[in-house]
Protein backbone atom coordinates (compact mmCIF):
# COMPACT_ATOMS: atom_id res chain seq x y z
CA UNK A 1 0.00 0.00 0.00
CA UNK A 2 1.52 3.32 -1.07
CA UNK A 3 0.43 6.63 0.51
CA UNK A 4 1.23 9.88 -1.27
CA UNK A 5 0.82 13.51 -0.27
CA UNK A 6 0.05 15.82 -3.20
CA UNK A 7 0.71 19.50 -2.54
CA UNK A 8 -1.45 21.99 -4.43
CA UNK A 9 -0.34 25.60 -4.48
CA UNK A 10 -0.67 28.66 -6.67
CA UNK A 11 2.46 27.90 -8.68
CA UNK A 12 1.79 24.43 -10.04
CA UNK A 13 -0.58 23.28 -12.71
CA UNK A 14 -3.06 20.53 -12.05
CA UNK A 15 -1.95 18.55 -15.11
CA UNK A 16 1.66 18.50 -13.92
CA UNK A 17 0.57 17.45 -10.45
CA UNK A 18 -1.60 14.59 -11.74
CA UNK A 19 1.28 13.46 -14.00
CA UNK A 20 3.66 13.41 -11.01
CA UNK A 21 1.15 11.43 -8.97
CA UNK A 22 0.58 8.92 -11.78
CA UNK A 23 4.33 8.35 -12.16
CA UNK A 24 4.49 7.10 -8.58
CA UNK A 25 1.54 4.66 -8.79
CA UNK A 26 0.12 5.34 -5.31
CA UNK A 27 -2.78 3.45 -3.81
CA UNK A 28 -3.97 6.38 -1.69
CA UNK A 29 -3.53 10.14 -2.08
CA UNK A 30 -4.03 12.94 0.43
CA UNK A 31 -4.22 16.44 -1.04
CA UNK A 32 -2.80 19.47 0.77
CA UNK A 33 -4.01 22.87 -0.46
CA UNK A 34 -1.10 25.10 0.49
CA UNK A 35 -0.49 28.84 0.42
CA UNK A 36 -4.12 29.86 0.73
CA UNK A 37 -4.55 32.55 3.36
CA UNK A 38 -8.33 32.56 3.53
CA UNK A 39 -10.97 30.09 4.60
CA UNK A 40 -11.54 28.72 1.11
CA UNK A 41 -13.75 25.90 2.35
CA UNK A 42 -16.56 28.25 3.31
CA UNK A 43 -15.73 31.35 1.26
CA UNK A 44 -18.51 32.07 -1.25
CA UNK A 45 -16.59 34.81 -3.06
CA UNK A 46 -15.63 34.20 -6.70
CA UNK A 47 -12.10 33.33 -5.54
CA UNK A 48 -13.35 30.76 -3.02
CA UNK A 49 -15.76 29.21 -5.50
CA UNK A 50 -13.06 29.03 -8.18
CA UNK A 51 -10.64 27.31 -5.80
CA UNK A 52 -13.25 24.77 -4.72
CA UNK A 53 -14.08 24.03 -8.36
CA UNK A 54 -10.37 23.59 -9.11
CA UNK A 55 -9.95 21.20 -6.17
CA UNK A 56 -13.04 19.18 -7.14
CA UNK A 57 -11.74 18.76 -10.70
CA UNK A 58 -8.29 17.87 -9.40
CA UNK A 59 -9.60 15.20 -7.03
CA UNK A 60 -11.65 13.66 -9.83
CA UNK A 61 -8.64 13.72 -12.18
CA UNK A 62 -6.41 12.07 -9.58
CA UNK A 63 -8.85 9.22 -9.08
CA UNK A 64 -9.68 8.71 -12.75
CA UNK A 65 -6.16 9.07 -14.17
CA UNK A 66 -4.14 7.32 -11.49
CA UNK A 67 -6.49 4.69 -10.09
CA UNK A 68 -5.60 5.89 -6.59
CA UNK A 69 -8.20 6.69 -3.97
CA UNK A 70 -8.20 10.25 -2.66
CA UNK A 71 -8.51 9.67 1.07
CA UNK A 72 -8.15 13.17 2.46
CA UNK A 73 -8.00 16.90 1.88
CA UNK A 74 -6.06 19.23 4.17
CA UNK A 75 -5.80 22.99 4.31
CA UNK A 76 -2.54 23.18 6.28
CA UNK A 77 0.45 21.08 7.25
CA UNK A 78 -0.71 21.38 10.85
CA UNK A 79 -3.70 19.16 10.01
CA UNK A 80 -1.29 16.45 8.86
CA UNK A 81 0.84 16.32 12.00
CA UNK A 82 1.60 12.70 12.79
CA UNK A 83 0.59 11.42 9.34
CA UNK A 84 3.16 9.48 7.32
CA UNK A 85 3.52 9.37 3.56
CA UNK A 86 5.67 7.18 1.35
CA UNK A 87 6.04 9.99 -1.16
CA UNK A 88 5.34 13.71 -1.38
CA UNK A 89 4.92 15.49 -4.70
CA UNK A 90 3.98 18.87 -6.00
CA UNK A 91 3.59 19.83 -9.65
CA UNK A 92 7.35 20.34 -9.94
CA UNK A 93 8.50 16.86 -8.93
CA UNK A 94 9.13 14.82 -5.81
CA UNK A 95 9.66 16.50 -2.45
CA UNK A 96 11.80 15.04 0.33
CA UNK A 97 9.76 13.08 2.86
CA UNK A 98 10.43 14.41 6.33
PDB file of N, CA and C in Angstrom:
ATOM      1  N   UNK A   1       0.860  -1.174   0.000  1.00  0.00           N
ATOM      2  CA  UNK A   1       0.000   0.000   0.000  1.00  0.00           C
ATOM      3  C   UNK A   1       0.898   1.225   0.000  1.00  0.00           C
ATOM      4  N   UNK A   2       0.695   2.124  -0.928  1.00  0.00           N
ATOM      5  CA  UNK A   2       1.516   3.321  -1.066  1.00  0.00           C
ATOM      6  C   UNK A   2       0.673   4.569  -0.801  1.00  0.00           C
ATOM      7  N   UNK A   3       1.122   5.383   0.158  1.00  0.00           N
ATOM      8  CA  UNK A   3       0.428   6.629   0.510  1.00  0.00           C
ATOM      9  C   UNK A   3       1.233   7.815   0.015  1.00  0.00           C
ATOM     10  N   UNK A   4       0.571   8.723  -0.682  1.00  0.00           N
ATOM     11  CA  UNK A   4       1.233   9.877  -1.274  1.00  0.00           C
ATOM     12  C   UNK A   4       0.546  11.154  -0.826  1.00  0.00           C
ATOM     13  N   UNK A   5       1.342  12.173  -0.548  1.00  0.00           N
ATOM     14  CA  UNK A   5       0.820  13.507  -0.269  1.00  0.00           C
ATOM     15  C   UNK A   5       1.044  14.356  -1.505  1.00  0.00           C
ATOM     16  N   UNK A   6      -0.020  14.927  -2.044  1.00  0.00           N
ATOM     17  CA  UNK A   6       0.052  15.819  -3.197  1.00  0.00           C
ATOM     18  C   UNK A   6      -0.168  17.243  -2.707  1.00  0.00           C
ATOM     19  N   UNK A   7       0.787  18.119  -3.000  1.00  0.00           N
ATOM     20  CA  UNK A   7       0.713  19.505  -2.540  1.00  0.00           C
ATOM     21  C   UNK A   7       0.240  20.387  -3.686  1.00  0.00           C
ATOM     22  N   UNK A   8      -0.876  21.060  -3.455  1.00  0.00           N
ATOM     23  CA  UNK A   8      -1.451  21.985  -4.430  1.00  0.00           C
ATOM     24  C   UNK A   8      -1.141  23.395  -3.949  1.00  0.00           C
ATOM     25  N   UNK A   9      -0.554  24.200  -4.824  1.00  0.00           N
ATOM     26  CA  UNK A   9      -0.344  25.603  -4.479  1.00  0.00           C
ATOM     27  C   UNK A   9      -0.616  26.459  -5.702  1.00  0.00           C
ATOM     28  N   UNK A  10      -0.356  27.726  -5.585  1.00  0.00           N
ATOM     29  CA  UNK A  10      -0.670  28.658  -6.670  1.00  0.00           C
ATOM     30  C   UNK A  10       0.292  28.539  -7.843  1.00  0.00           C
ATOM     31  N   UNK A  11       1.439  27.898  -7.642  1.00  0.00           N
ATOM     32  CA  UNK A  11       2.456  27.896  -8.682  1.00  0.00           C
ATOM     33  C   UNK A  11       2.440  26.675  -9.575  1.00  0.00           C
ATOM     34  N   UNK A  12       1.747  25.608  -9.186  1.00  0.00           N
ATOM     35  CA  UNK A  12       1.790  24.427 -10.037  1.00  0.00           C
ATOM     36  C   UNK A  12       0.495  24.274 -10.828  1.00  0.00           C
ATOM     37  N   UNK A  13       0.603  23.540 -11.917  1.00  0.00           N
ATOM     38  CA  UNK A  13      -0.585  23.279 -12.712  1.00  0.00           C
ATOM     39  C   UNK A  13      -1.137  21.917 -12.316  1.00  0.00           C
ATOM     40  N   UNK A  14      -2.414  21.773 -12.441  1.00  0.00           N
ATOM     41  CA  UNK A  14      -3.057  20.525 -12.052  1.00  0.00           C
ATOM     42  C   UNK A  14      -2.604  19.365 -12.931  1.00  0.00           C
ATOM     43  N   UNK A  15      -2.397  19.619 -14.216  1.00  0.00           N
ATOM     44  CA  UNK A  15      -1.947  18.554 -15.112  1.00  0.00           C
ATOM     45  C   UNK A  15      -0.585  18.029 -14.691  1.00  0.00           C
ATOM     46  N   UNK A  16       0.333  18.934 -14.364  1.00  0.00           N
ATOM     47  CA  UNK A  16       1.664  18.503 -13.920  1.00  0.00           C
ATOM     48  C   UNK A  16       1.572  17.708 -12.629  1.00  0.00           C
ATOM     49  N   UNK A  17       0.718  18.146 -11.726  1.00  0.00           N
ATOM     50  CA  UNK A  17       0.565  17.453 -10.452  1.00  0.00           C
ATOM     51  C   UNK A  17       0.002  16.045 -10.656  1.00  0.00           C
ATOM     52  N   UNK A  18      -1.015  15.911 -11.473  1.00  0.00           N
ATOM     53  CA  UNK A  18      -1.604  14.592 -11.739  1.00  0.00           C
ATOM     54  C   UNK A  18      -0.572  13.693 -12.423  1.00  0.00           C
ATOM     55  N   UNK A  19       0.226  14.252 -13.347  1.00  0.00           N
ATOM     56  CA  UNK A  19       1.283  13.465 -13.996  1.00  0.00           C
ATOM     57  C   UNK A  19       2.300  12.956 -12.977  1.00  0.00           C
ATOM     58  N   UNK A  20       2.706  13.822 -12.052  1.00  0.00           N
ATOM     59  CA  UNK A  20       3.661  13.415 -11.014  1.00  0.00           C
ATOM     60  C   UNK A  20       3.071  12.319 -10.124  1.00  0.00           C
ATOM     61  N   UNK A  21       1.811  12.453  -9.789  1.00  0.00           N
ATOM     62  CA  UNK A  21       1.151  11.432  -8.967  1.00  0.00           C
ATOM     63  C   UNK A  21       1.101  10.107  -9.725  1.00  0.00           C
ATOM     64  N   UNK A  22       0.708  10.142 -10.978  1.00  0.00           N
ATOM     65  CA  UNK A  22       0.581   8.917 -11.780  1.00  0.00           C
ATOM     66  C   UNK A  22       1.918   8.203 -11.926  1.00  0.00           C
ATOM     67  N   UNK A  23       2.997   8.952 -12.028  1.00  0.00           N
ATOM     68  CA  UNK A  23       4.331   8.346 -12.161  1.00  0.00           C
ATOM     69  C   UNK A  23       4.708   7.499 -10.947  1.00  0.00           C
ATOM     70  N   UNK A  24       4.128   7.800  -9.806  1.00  0.00           N
ATOM     71  CA  UNK A  24       4.488   7.105  -8.581  1.00  0.00           C
ATOM     72  C   UNK A  24       3.540   5.958  -8.224  1.00  0.00           C
ATOM     73  N   UNK A  25       2.473   5.788  -8.965  1.00  0.00           N
ATOM     74  CA  UNK A  25       1.539   4.661  -8.794  1.00  0.00           C
ATOM     75  C   UNK A  25       1.082   4.458  -7.347  1.00  0.00           C
ATOM     76  N   UNK A  26       0.561   5.507  -6.700  1.00  0.00           N
ATOM     77  CA  UNK A  26       0.117   5.338  -5.313  1.00  0.00           C
ATOM     78  C   UNK A  26      -1.221   4.600  -5.247  1.00  0.00           C
ATOM     79  N   UNK A  27      -1.474   4.050  -4.066  1.00  0.00           N
ATOM     80  CA  UNK A  27      -2.778   3.450  -3.809  1.00  0.00           C
ATOM     81  C   UNK A  27      -3.737   4.470  -3.212  1.00  0.00           C
ATOM     82  N   UNK A  28      -3.166   5.363  -2.362  1.00  0.00           N
ATOM     83  CA  UNK A  28      -3.975   6.382  -1.694  1.00  0.00           C
ATOM     84  C   UNK A  28      -3.264   7.727  -1.789  1.00  0.00           C
ATOM     85  N   UNK A  29      -4.068   8.780  -1.955  1.00  0.00           N
ATOM     86  CA  UNK A  29      -3.535  10.137  -2.077  1.00  0.00           C
ATOM     87  C   UNK A  29      -4.269  11.052  -1.099  1.00  0.00           C
ATOM     88  N   UNK A  30      -3.492  11.848  -0.387  1.00  0.00           N
ATOM     89  CA  UNK A  30      -4.027  12.935   0.426  1.00  0.00           C
ATOM     90  C   UNK A  30      -3.594  14.229  -0.244  1.00  0.00           C
ATOM     91  N   UNK A  31      -4.495  15.180  -0.356  1.00  0.00           N
ATOM     92  CA  UNK A  31      -4.218  16.442  -1.044  1.00  0.00           C
ATOM     93  C   UNK A  31      -4.122  17.561  -0.010  1.00  0.00           C
ATOM     94  N   UNK A  32      -3.021  18.312  -0.084  1.00  0.00           N
ATOM     95  CA  UNK A  32      -2.795  19.473   0.770  1.00  0.00           C
ATOM     96  C   UNK A  32      -2.902  20.724  -0.086  1.00  0.00           C
ATOM     97  N   UNK A  33      -3.853  21.589   0.242  1.00  0.00           N
ATOM     98  CA  UNK A  33      -4.012  22.867  -0.456  1.00  0.00           C
ATOM     99  C   UNK A  33      -3.194  23.890   0.323  1.00  0.00           C
ATOM    100  N   UNK A  34      -2.048  24.256  -0.223  1.00  0.00           N
ATOM    101  CA  UNK A  34      -1.099  25.096   0.494  1.00  0.00           C
ATOM    102  C   UNK A  34      -1.083  26.515  -0.054  1.00  0.00           C
ATOM    103  N   UNK A  35      -0.666  27.430   0.781  1.00  0.00           N
ATOM    104  CA  UNK A  35      -0.494  28.842   0.416  1.00  0.00           C
ATOM    105  C   UNK A  35      -1.802  29.581   0.185  1.00  0.00           C
ATOM    106  N   UNK A  36      -2.858  29.128   0.785  1.00  0.00           N
ATOM    107  CA  UNK A  36      -4.118  29.857   0.726  1.00  0.00           C
ATOM    108  C   UNK A  36      -4.332  30.505   2.089  1.00  0.00           C
ATOM    109  N   UNK A  37      -4.476  31.807   2.105  1.00  0.00           N
ATOM    110  CA  UNK A  37      -4.547  32.548   3.362  1.00  0.00           C
ATOM    111  C   UNK A  37      -5.977  32.846   3.803  1.00  0.00           C
ATOM    112  N   UNK A  38      -6.949  32.310   3.142  1.00  0.00           N
ATOM    113  CA  UNK A  38      -8.329  32.562   3.527  1.00  0.00           C
ATOM    114  C   UNK A  38      -9.046  31.237   3.726  1.00  0.00           C
ATOM    115  N   UNK A  39     -10.194  31.293   4.324  1.00  0.00           N
ATOM    116  CA  UNK A  39     -10.967  30.087   4.600  1.00  0.00           C
ATOM    117  C   UNK A  39     -11.714  29.666   3.336  1.00  0.00           C
ATOM    118  N   UNK A  40     -11.002  29.032   2.427  1.00  0.00           N
ATOM    119  CA  UNK A  40     -11.545  28.719   1.114  1.00  0.00           C
ATOM    120  C   UNK A  40     -12.671  27.691   1.189  1.00  0.00           C
ATOM    121  N   UNK A  41     -12.715  26.917   2.237  1.00  0.00           N
ATOM    122  CA  UNK A  41     -13.749  25.896   2.354  1.00  0.00           C
ATOM    123  C   UNK A  41     -15.149  26.454   2.536  1.00  0.00           C
ATOM    124  N   UNK A  42     -15.244  27.658   3.087  1.00  0.00           N
ATOM    125  CA  UNK A  42     -16.563  28.252   3.310  1.00  0.00           C
ATOM    126  C   UNK A  42     -16.698  29.633   2.678  1.00  0.00           C
ATOM    127  N   UNK A  43     -15.710  30.044   1.910  1.00  0.00           N
ATOM    128  CA  UNK A  43     -15.727  31.348   1.259  1.00  0.00           C
ATOM    129  C   UNK A  43     -16.573  31.265  -0.015  1.00  0.00           C
ATOM    130  N   UNK A  44     -17.639  32.074  -0.078  1.00  0.00           N
ATOM    131  CA  UNK A  44     -18.512  32.068  -1.255  1.00  0.00           C
ATOM    132  C   UNK A  44     -18.183  33.175  -2.247  1.00  0.00           C
ATOM    133  N   UNK A  45     -17.026  33.802  -2.093  1.00  0.00           N
ATOM    134  CA  UNK A  45     -16.595  34.809  -3.064  1.00  0.00           C
ATOM    135  C   UNK A  45     -16.198  34.098  -4.356  1.00  0.00           C
ATOM    136  N   UNK A  46     -16.063  34.839  -5.452  1.00  0.00           N
ATOM    137  CA  UNK A  46     -15.626  34.201  -6.700  1.00  0.00           C
ATOM    138  C   UNK A  46     -14.292  33.459  -6.540  1.00  0.00           C
ATOM    139  N   UNK A  47     -13.399  33.990  -5.758  1.00  0.00           N
ATOM    140  CA  UNK A  47     -12.103  33.335  -5.535  1.00  0.00           C
ATOM    141  C   UNK A  47     -12.292  31.996  -4.811  1.00  0.00           C
ATOM    142  N   UNK A  48     -13.098  31.989  -3.758  1.00  0.00           N
ATOM    143  CA  UNK A  48     -13.348  30.759  -3.018  1.00  0.00           C
ATOM    144  C   UNK A  48     -14.045  29.713  -3.862  1.00  0.00           C
ATOM    145  N   UNK A  49     -15.046  30.141  -4.627  1.00  0.00           N
ATOM    146  CA  UNK A  49     -15.763  29.206  -5.501  1.00  0.00           C
ATOM    147  C   UNK A  49     -14.843  28.641  -6.570  1.00  0.00           C
ATOM    148  N   UNK A  50     -13.986  29.489  -7.144  1.00  0.00           N
ATOM    149  CA  UNK A  50     -13.055  29.032  -8.180  1.00  0.00           C
ATOM    150  C   UNK A  50     -12.072  28.009  -7.617  1.00  0.00           C
ATOM    151  N   UNK A  51     -11.576  28.257  -6.411  1.00  0.00           N
ATOM    152  CA  UNK A  51     -10.636  27.313  -5.805  1.00  0.00           C
ATOM    153  C   UNK A  51     -11.323  25.983  -5.509  1.00  0.00           C
ATOM    154  N   UNK A  52     -12.536  26.017  -4.990  1.00  0.00           N
ATOM    155  CA  UNK A  52     -13.248  24.769  -4.717  1.00  0.00           C
ATOM    156  C   UNK A  52     -13.538  23.997  -6.002  1.00  0.00           C
ATOM    157  N   UNK A  53     -13.877  24.702  -7.073  1.00  0.00           N
ATOM    158  CA  UNK A  53     -14.079  24.032  -8.364  1.00  0.00           C
ATOM    159  C   UNK A  53     -12.780  23.388  -8.840  1.00  0.00           C
ATOM    160  N   UNK A  54     -11.676  24.121  -8.706  1.00  0.00           N
ATOM    161  CA  UNK A  54     -10.375  23.589  -9.111  1.00  0.00           C
ATOM    162  C   UNK A  54     -10.055  22.320  -8.321  1.00  0.00           C
ATOM    163  N   UNK A  55     -10.253  22.358  -7.014  1.00  0.00           N
ATOM    164  CA  UNK A  55      -9.949  21.205  -6.173  1.00  0.00           C
ATOM    165  C   UNK A  55     -10.842  20.019  -6.532  1.00  0.00           C
ATOM    166  N   UNK A  56     -12.123  20.270  -6.764  1.00  0.00           N
ATOM    167  CA  UNK A  56     -13.043  19.184  -7.138  1.00  0.00           C
ATOM    168  C   UNK A  56     -12.596  18.512  -8.437  1.00  0.00           C
ATOM    169  N   UNK A  57     -12.216  19.318  -9.435  1.00  0.00           N
ATOM    170  CA  UNK A  57     -11.740  18.759 -10.702  1.00  0.00           C
ATOM    171  C   UNK A  57     -10.431  17.999 -10.501  1.00  0.00           C
ATOM    172  N   UNK A  58      -9.559  18.536  -9.666  1.00  0.00           N
ATOM    173  CA  UNK A  58      -8.286  17.874  -9.403  1.00  0.00           C
ATOM    174  C   UNK A  58      -8.485  16.525  -8.727  1.00  0.00           C
ATOM    175  N   UNK A  59      -9.346  16.468  -7.715  1.00  0.00           N
ATOM    176  CA  UNK A  59      -9.596  15.202  -7.026  1.00  0.00           C
ATOM    177  C   UNK A  59     -10.158  14.159  -7.992  1.00  0.00           C
ATOM    178  N   UNK A  60     -11.074  14.581  -8.844  1.00  0.00           N
ATOM    179  CA  UNK A  60     -11.648  13.658  -9.831  1.00  0.00           C
ATOM    180  C   UNK A  60     -10.580  13.183 -10.812  1.00  0.00           C
ATOM    181  N   UNK A  61      -9.706  14.086 -11.244  1.00  0.00           N
ATOM    182  CA  UNK A  61      -8.635  13.715 -12.181  1.00  0.00           C
ATOM    183  C   UNK A  61      -7.653  12.747 -11.534  1.00  0.00           C
ATOM    184  N   UNK A  62      -7.322  12.973 -10.274  1.00  0.00           N
ATOM    185  CA  UNK A  62      -6.405  12.069  -9.583  1.00  0.00           C
ATOM    186  C   UNK A  62      -6.987  10.663  -9.552  1.00  0.00           C
ATOM    187  N   UNK A  63      -8.240  10.542  -9.162  1.00  0.00           N
ATOM    188  CA  UNK A  63      -8.847   9.216  -9.078  1.00  0.00           C
ATOM    189  C   UNK A  63      -8.997   8.562 -10.444  1.00  0.00           C
ATOM    190  N   UNK A  64      -9.431   9.324 -11.436  1.00  0.00           N
ATOM    191  CA  UNK A  64      -9.682   8.709 -12.747  1.00  0.00           C
ATOM    192  C   UNK A  64      -8.394   8.422 -13.517  1.00  0.00           C
ATOM    193  N   UNK A  65      -7.374   9.254 -13.376  1.00  0.00           N
ATOM    194  CA  UNK A  65      -6.163   9.074 -14.175  1.00  0.00           C
ATOM    195  C   UNK A  65      -5.081   8.255 -13.494  1.00  0.00           C
ATOM    196  N   UNK A  66      -5.184   8.069 -12.184  1.00  0.00           N
ATOM    197  CA  UNK A  66      -4.143   7.321 -11.491  1.00  0.00           C
ATOM    198  C   UNK A  66      -4.642   6.007 -10.904  1.00  0.00           C
ATOM    199  N   UNK A  67      -5.939   5.877 -10.720  1.00  0.00           N
ATOM    200  CA  UNK A  67      -6.490   4.695 -10.086  1.00  0.00           C
ATOM    201  C   UNK A  67      -6.368   4.709  -8.572  1.00  0.00           C
ATOM    202  N   UNK A  68      -5.761   5.762  -8.034  1.00  0.00           N
ATOM    203  CA  UNK A  68      -5.600   5.888  -6.586  1.00  0.00           C
ATOM    204  C   UNK A  68      -6.875   6.441  -5.971  1.00  0.00           C
ATOM    205  N   UNK A  69      -7.075   6.130  -4.711  1.00  0.00           N
ATOM    206  CA  UNK A  69      -8.199   6.690  -3.967  1.00  0.00           C
ATOM    207  C   UNK A  69      -7.736   7.950  -3.259  1.00  0.00           C
ATOM    208  N   UNK A  70      -8.485   9.032  -3.419  1.00  0.00           N
ATOM    209  CA  UNK A  70      -8.204  10.248  -2.660  1.00  0.00           C
ATOM    210  C   UNK A  70      -8.847  10.054  -1.295  1.00  0.00           C
ATOM    211  N   UNK A  71      -8.020  10.008  -0.259  1.00  0.00           N
ATOM    212  CA  UNK A  71      -8.514   9.671   1.070  1.00  0.00           C
ATOM    213  C   UNK A  71      -8.601  10.863   2.007  1.00  0.00           C
ATOM    214  N   UNK A  72      -8.089  12.021   1.575  1.00  0.00           N
ATOM    215  CA  UNK A  72      -8.154  13.172   2.460  1.00  0.00           C
ATOM    216  C   UNK A  72      -7.815  14.465   1.752  1.00  0.00           C
ATOM    217  N   UNK A  73      -8.250  15.552   2.376  1.00  0.00           N
ATOM    218  CA  UNK A  73      -8.002  16.897   1.880  1.00  0.00           C
ATOM    219  C   UNK A  73      -7.653  17.745   3.089  1.00  0.00           C
ATOM    220  N   UNK A  74      -6.505  18.410   3.043  1.00  0.00           N
ATOM    221  CA  UNK A  74      -6.062  19.230   4.167  1.00  0.00           C
ATOM    222  C   UNK A  74      -5.813  20.656   3.702  1.00  0.00           C
ATOM    223  N   UNK A  75      -6.024  21.588   4.614  1.00  0.00           N
ATOM    224  CA  UNK A  75      -5.802  22.994   4.311  1.00  0.00           C
ATOM    225  C   UNK A  75      -4.511  23.542   4.878  1.00  0.00           C
ATOM    226  N   UNK A  76      -3.820  22.735   5.711  1.00  0.00           N
ATOM    227  CA  UNK A  76      -2.544  23.177   6.276  1.00  0.00           C
ATOM    228  C   UNK A  76      -1.732  21.962   6.691  1.00  0.00           C
ATOM    229  N   UNK A  77      -0.429  22.170   6.795  1.00  0.00           N
ATOM    230  CA  UNK A  77       0.453  21.082   7.247  1.00  0.00           C
ATOM    231  C   UNK A  77       0.141  20.689   8.688  1.00  0.00           C
ATOM    232  N   UNK A  78      -0.348  21.637   9.454  1.00  0.00           N
ATOM    233  CA  UNK A  78      -0.712  21.376  10.846  1.00  0.00           C
ATOM    234  C   UNK A  78      -1.746  20.245  10.944  1.00  0.00           C
ATOM    235  N   UNK A  79      -2.666  20.204  10.011  1.00  0.00           N
ATOM    236  CA  UNK A  79      -3.695  19.163  10.013  1.00  0.00           C
ATOM    237  C   UNK A  79      -3.111  17.775   9.744  1.00  0.00           C
ATOM    238  N   UNK A  80      -1.903  17.726   9.214  1.00  0.00           N
ATOM    239  CA  UNK A  80      -1.288  16.446   8.860  1.00  0.00           C
ATOM    240  C   UNK A  80      -0.239  16.000   9.868  1.00  0.00           C
ATOM    241  N   UNK A  81      -0.143  16.692  10.979  1.00  0.00           N
ATOM    242  CA  UNK A  81       0.841  16.324  11.998  1.00  0.00           C
ATOM    243  C   UNK A  81       0.611  14.879  12.442  1.00  0.00           C
ATOM    244  N   UNK A  82       1.673  14.098  12.405  1.00  0.00           N
ATOM    245  CA  UNK A  82       1.600  12.695  12.787  1.00  0.00           C
ATOM    246  C   UNK A  82       1.280  11.746  11.639  1.00  0.00           C
ATOM    247  N   UNK A  83       0.876  12.260  10.498  1.00  0.00           N
ATOM    248  CA  UNK A  83       0.593  11.417   9.343  1.00  0.00           C
ATOM    249  C   UNK A  83       1.913  11.053   8.673  1.00  0.00           C
ATOM    250  N   UNK A  84       1.960   9.913   8.031  1.00  0.00           N
ATOM    251  CA  UNK A  84       3.164   9.480   7.320  1.00  0.00           C
ATOM    252  C   UNK A  84       2.802   9.177   5.867  1.00  0.00           C
ATOM    253  N   UNK A  85       3.712   9.582   4.992  1.00  0.00           N
ATOM    254  CA  UNK A  85       3.521   9.370   3.563  1.00  0.00           C
ATOM    255  C   UNK A  85       4.764   8.714   2.982  1.00  0.00           C
ATOM    256  N   UNK A  86       4.555   7.824   2.028  1.00  0.00           N
ATOM    257  CA  UNK A  86       5.671   7.184   1.348  1.00  0.00           C
ATOM    258  C   UNK A  86       6.341   8.152   0.378  1.00  0.00           C
ATOM    259  N   UNK A  87       5.522   9.021  -0.203  1.00  0.00           N
ATOM    260  CA  UNK A  87       6.044   9.995  -1.164  1.00  0.00           C
ATOM    261  C   UNK A  87       5.273  11.297  -1.018  1.00  0.00           C
ATOM    262  N   UNK A  88       5.959  12.380  -1.354  1.00  0.00           N
ATOM    263  CA  UNK A  88       5.340  13.705  -1.380  1.00  0.00           C
ATOM    264  C   UNK A  88       5.686  14.334  -2.719  1.00  0.00           C
ATOM    265  N   UNK A  89       4.666  14.838  -3.421  1.00  0.00           N
ATOM    266  CA  UNK A  89       4.917  15.493  -4.704  1.00  0.00           C
ATOM    267  C   UNK A  89       4.145  16.808  -4.779  1.00  0.00           C
ATOM    268  N   UNK A  90       4.721  17.710  -5.555  1.00  0.00           N
ATOM    269  CA  UNK A  90       3.975  18.873  -5.999  1.00  0.00           C
ATOM    270  C   UNK A  90       4.067  18.851  -7.518  1.00  0.00           C
ATOM    271  N   UNK A  91       3.593  19.837  -8.190  1.00  0.00           N
ATOM    272  CA  UNK A  91       3.595  19.830  -9.647  1.00  0.00           C
ATOM    273  C   UNK A  91       4.974  19.933 -10.263  1.00  0.00           C
ATOM    274  N   UNK A  92       6.000  20.135  -9.439  1.00  0.00           N
ATOM    275  CA  UNK A  92       7.351  20.344  -9.938  1.00  0.00           C
ATOM    276  C   UNK A  92       8.218  19.109  -9.762  1.00  0.00           C
ATOM    277  N   UNK A  93       7.711  18.076  -9.132  1.00  0.00           N
ATOM    278  CA  UNK A  93       8.501  16.858  -8.926  1.00  0.00           C
ATOM    279  C   UNK A  93       8.388  16.377  -7.503  1.00  0.00           C
ATOM    280  N   UNK A  94       9.183  15.370  -7.163  1.00  0.00           N
ATOM    281  CA  UNK A  94       9.130  14.822  -5.806  1.00  0.00           C
ATOM    282  C   UNK A  94       9.698  15.798  -4.787  1.00  0.00           C
ATOM    283  N   UNK A  95       9.207  15.689  -3.568  1.00  0.00           N
ATOM    284  CA  UNK A  95       9.662  16.496  -2.449  1.00  0.00           C
ATOM    285  C   UNK A  95      10.203  15.524  -1.405  1.00  0.00           C
ATOM    286  N   UNK A  96      11.232  15.918  -0.692  1.00  0.00           N
ATOM    287  CA  UNK A  96      11.799  15.040   0.330  1.00  0.00           C
ATOM    288  C   UNK A  96      10.761  14.749   1.411  1.00  0.00           C
ATOM    289  N   UNK A  97      10.666  13.493   1.793  1.00  0.00           N
ATOM    290  CA  UNK A  97       9.765  13.082   2.861  1.00  0.00           C
ATOM    291  C   UNK A  97      10.473  13.353   4.170  1.00  0.00           C
ATOM    292  N   UNK A  98       9.793  14.105   5.051  1.00  0.00           N
ATOM    293  CA  UNK A  98      10.427  14.407   6.334  1.00  0.00           C
ATOM    294  C   UNK A  98       9.768  13.679   7.470  1.00  0.00           C
TER     295      UNK A  98
END
